N, C-alpha and C. Protein backbone atom coordinates (compact mmCIF):
# COMPACT_ATOMS: atom_id res chain seq x y z
N MET A 1 -19.19 -19.63 -18.48
CA MET A 1 -17.75 -19.62 -18.55
C MET A 1 -17.28 -20.91 -18.12
N SER A 2 -16.33 -21.47 -18.80
CA SER A 2 -15.74 -22.84 -18.40
C SER A 2 -15.01 -22.66 -17.14
N GLU A 3 -14.72 -23.94 -16.53
CA GLU A 3 -13.95 -23.84 -15.35
C GLU A 3 -12.49 -23.42 -15.64
N GLU A 4 -12.02 -23.91 -16.81
CA GLU A 4 -10.61 -23.52 -17.23
C GLU A 4 -10.48 -21.98 -17.31
N LYS A 5 -11.33 -21.34 -17.94
CA LYS A 5 -11.39 -19.86 -18.14
C LYS A 5 -11.46 -19.18 -16.71
N ILE A 6 -12.35 -19.85 -15.82
CA ILE A 6 -12.37 -19.16 -14.55
C ILE A 6 -11.06 -19.23 -13.77
N ILE A 7 -10.43 -20.39 -13.86
CA ILE A 7 -9.18 -20.59 -13.19
C ILE A 7 -8.22 -19.68 -13.78
N ARG A 8 -7.95 -19.62 -15.20
CA ARG A 8 -7.11 -18.67 -15.84
C ARG A 8 -7.31 -17.22 -15.23
N LEU A 9 -8.50 -16.70 -15.21
CA LEU A 9 -8.87 -15.42 -14.79
C LEU A 9 -8.41 -15.22 -13.36
N LEU A 10 -8.79 -16.16 -12.58
CA LEU A 10 -8.14 -16.03 -11.08
C LEU A 10 -6.78 -15.99 -11.03
N MET A 11 -6.08 -16.71 -11.81
CA MET A 11 -4.61 -16.74 -11.82
C MET A 11 -4.09 -15.43 -12.16
N GLU A 12 -4.79 -14.67 -13.17
CA GLU A 12 -4.32 -13.42 -13.66
C GLU A 12 -4.56 -12.50 -12.50
N ILE A 13 -5.61 -12.58 -11.87
CA ILE A 13 -5.90 -11.65 -10.85
C ILE A 13 -4.95 -11.83 -9.71
N LEU A 14 -4.79 -12.96 -9.33
CA LEU A 14 -3.77 -13.18 -8.26
C LEU A 14 -2.39 -12.64 -8.58
N THR A 15 -2.04 -12.95 -9.88
CA THR A 15 -0.66 -12.47 -10.15
C THR A 15 -0.53 -10.87 -10.11
N GLY A 16 -1.64 -10.23 -10.64
CA GLY A 16 -1.80 -8.77 -10.62
C GLY A 16 -1.79 -8.25 -9.18
N LEU A 17 -2.40 -8.89 -8.27
CA LEU A 17 -2.40 -8.50 -6.82
C LEU A 17 -1.03 -8.73 -6.26
N ASN A 18 -0.43 -9.78 -6.64
CA ASN A 18 0.95 -10.07 -6.11
C ASN A 18 1.88 -8.97 -6.60
N ASP A 19 1.74 -8.61 -7.81
CA ASP A 19 2.65 -7.57 -8.40
C ASP A 19 2.46 -6.14 -7.63
N ILE A 20 1.09 -5.89 -7.37
CA ILE A 20 0.87 -4.70 -6.59
C ILE A 20 1.44 -4.79 -5.23
N ASN A 21 1.37 -5.87 -4.52
CA ASN A 21 1.84 -6.07 -3.22
C ASN A 21 3.37 -5.81 -3.20
N LYS A 22 4.07 -6.37 -4.17
CA LYS A 22 5.52 -6.22 -4.25
C LYS A 22 5.85 -4.63 -4.40
N LYS A 23 5.18 -4.06 -5.26
CA LYS A 23 5.37 -2.56 -5.48
C LYS A 23 5.15 -1.82 -4.20
N LEU A 24 4.02 -2.21 -3.44
CA LEU A 24 3.71 -1.44 -2.19
C LEU A 24 4.85 -1.65 -1.10
N GLU A 25 5.24 -2.86 -1.06
CA GLU A 25 6.22 -3.20 -0.18
C GLU A 25 7.62 -2.50 -0.37
N LYS A 26 7.97 -2.38 -1.76
CA LYS A 26 9.16 -1.55 -2.20
C LYS A 26 8.85 -0.07 -1.86
N MET A 27 7.76 0.37 -2.03
CA MET A 27 7.36 1.85 -1.77
C MET A 27 7.56 2.12 -0.36
N ALA A 28 7.07 1.04 0.65
CA ALA A 28 6.97 1.29 1.98
C ALA A 28 8.61 1.34 2.45
N GLU A 29 9.40 0.50 1.88
CA GLU A 29 10.81 0.50 2.31
C GLU A 29 11.58 1.72 1.96
N GLN A 30 11.07 2.37 0.82
CA GLN A 30 11.80 3.62 0.36
C GLN A 30 11.26 4.76 1.09
N ASN A 31 10.00 4.91 1.38
CA ASN A 31 9.41 6.13 1.88
C ASN A 31 9.16 6.25 3.42
N TYR A 32 8.93 5.08 3.97
CA TYR A 32 8.56 5.39 5.35
C TYR A 32 9.49 4.66 6.37
N CYS A 33 9.96 5.39 7.39
CA CYS A 33 10.88 4.71 8.30
C CYS A 33 10.09 4.86 9.67
N ILE A 34 9.74 3.88 10.34
CA ILE A 34 8.91 3.85 11.52
C ILE A 34 9.56 4.56 12.62
N GLU A 35 11.01 4.50 12.61
CA GLU A 35 11.72 5.10 13.79
C GLU A 35 11.91 6.58 13.59
N SER A 36 11.72 7.19 12.53
CA SER A 36 11.93 8.59 12.40
C SER A 36 10.73 9.29 12.91
N SER A 37 10.95 10.65 13.29
CA SER A 37 10.01 11.43 13.90
C SER A 37 8.90 11.80 12.81
N PRO A 38 7.75 12.05 13.22
CA PRO A 38 6.60 12.39 12.38
C PRO A 38 7.00 13.57 11.46
N ARG A 39 7.76 14.42 11.97
CA ARG A 39 8.19 15.76 11.08
C ARG A 39 9.05 15.23 9.94
N GLU A 40 9.64 14.19 9.98
CA GLU A 40 10.45 13.69 9.02
C GLU A 40 9.70 12.69 8.05
N ARG A 41 8.42 12.58 8.26
CA ARG A 41 7.61 11.75 7.40
C ARG A 41 6.45 12.33 6.94
N PRO A 42 6.44 13.55 6.34
CA PRO A 42 5.34 14.32 5.96
C PRO A 42 4.35 13.48 4.97
N ARG A 43 4.88 12.77 4.05
CA ARG A 43 4.10 11.94 3.18
C ARG A 43 3.23 10.90 3.91
N TYR A 44 3.98 10.21 4.81
CA TYR A 44 3.24 9.21 5.56
C TYR A 44 2.17 9.83 6.45
N ASN A 45 2.34 11.00 7.01
CA ASN A 45 1.27 11.71 7.75
C ASN A 45 0.19 12.07 6.74
N GLN A 46 0.55 12.54 5.67
CA GLN A 46 -0.51 12.87 4.71
C GLN A 46 -1.40 11.83 4.34
N ILE A 47 -0.81 10.69 4.03
CA ILE A 47 -1.57 9.40 3.79
C ILE A 47 -2.37 9.00 4.91
N LEU A 48 -1.88 9.05 6.27
CA LEU A 48 -2.78 8.66 7.34
C LEU A 48 -3.78 9.54 7.51
N GLU A 49 -3.68 10.82 7.41
CA GLU A 49 -4.75 11.89 7.50
C GLU A 49 -5.79 11.67 6.38
N SER A 50 -5.41 11.26 5.17
CA SER A 50 -6.40 11.12 4.33
C SER A 50 -7.27 9.88 4.53
N VAL A 51 -6.66 8.79 5.17
CA VAL A 51 -7.30 7.60 5.46
C VAL A 51 -8.18 7.71 6.72
N ASN A 52 -7.63 8.60 7.75
CA ASN A 52 -8.30 8.75 9.03
C ASN A 52 -9.32 9.94 8.96
N LYS A 53 -9.22 10.72 7.91
CA LYS A 53 -10.11 11.99 7.75
C LYS A 53 -10.06 12.95 8.94
N GLU A 54 -9.04 12.89 9.73
CA GLU A 54 -8.82 13.81 10.68
C GLU A 54 -7.31 14.17 10.94
N PRO A 55 -6.99 15.36 11.15
CA PRO A 55 -5.48 15.88 11.20
C PRO A 55 -4.70 15.05 12.20
N ILE A 56 -3.54 14.75 11.89
CA ILE A 56 -2.60 14.11 12.86
C ILE A 56 -1.73 15.21 13.50
N LYS A 57 -1.80 15.29 14.85
CA LYS A 57 -0.95 16.36 15.52
C LYS A 57 0.45 15.80 15.79
N ASN A 58 1.27 16.51 15.39
CA ASN A 58 2.72 16.27 15.85
C ASN A 58 3.05 16.44 17.31
N LYS A 59 3.72 15.48 17.98
CA LYS A 59 3.99 15.78 19.56
C LYS A 59 5.08 16.69 19.67
């Protein structure tokens, strides 16, 4: 593969990652409020539970 093709491929990958990052930031702004109580953030807790693989207990 030529250097030009590799550079073009890397640029496409970076552009795609940048688009994904922007979408994630927008989702975070809409769905998650750090200051709200855990009971008001069920989706946030569900995501954390799936990542941590152990239940999160509400205080």
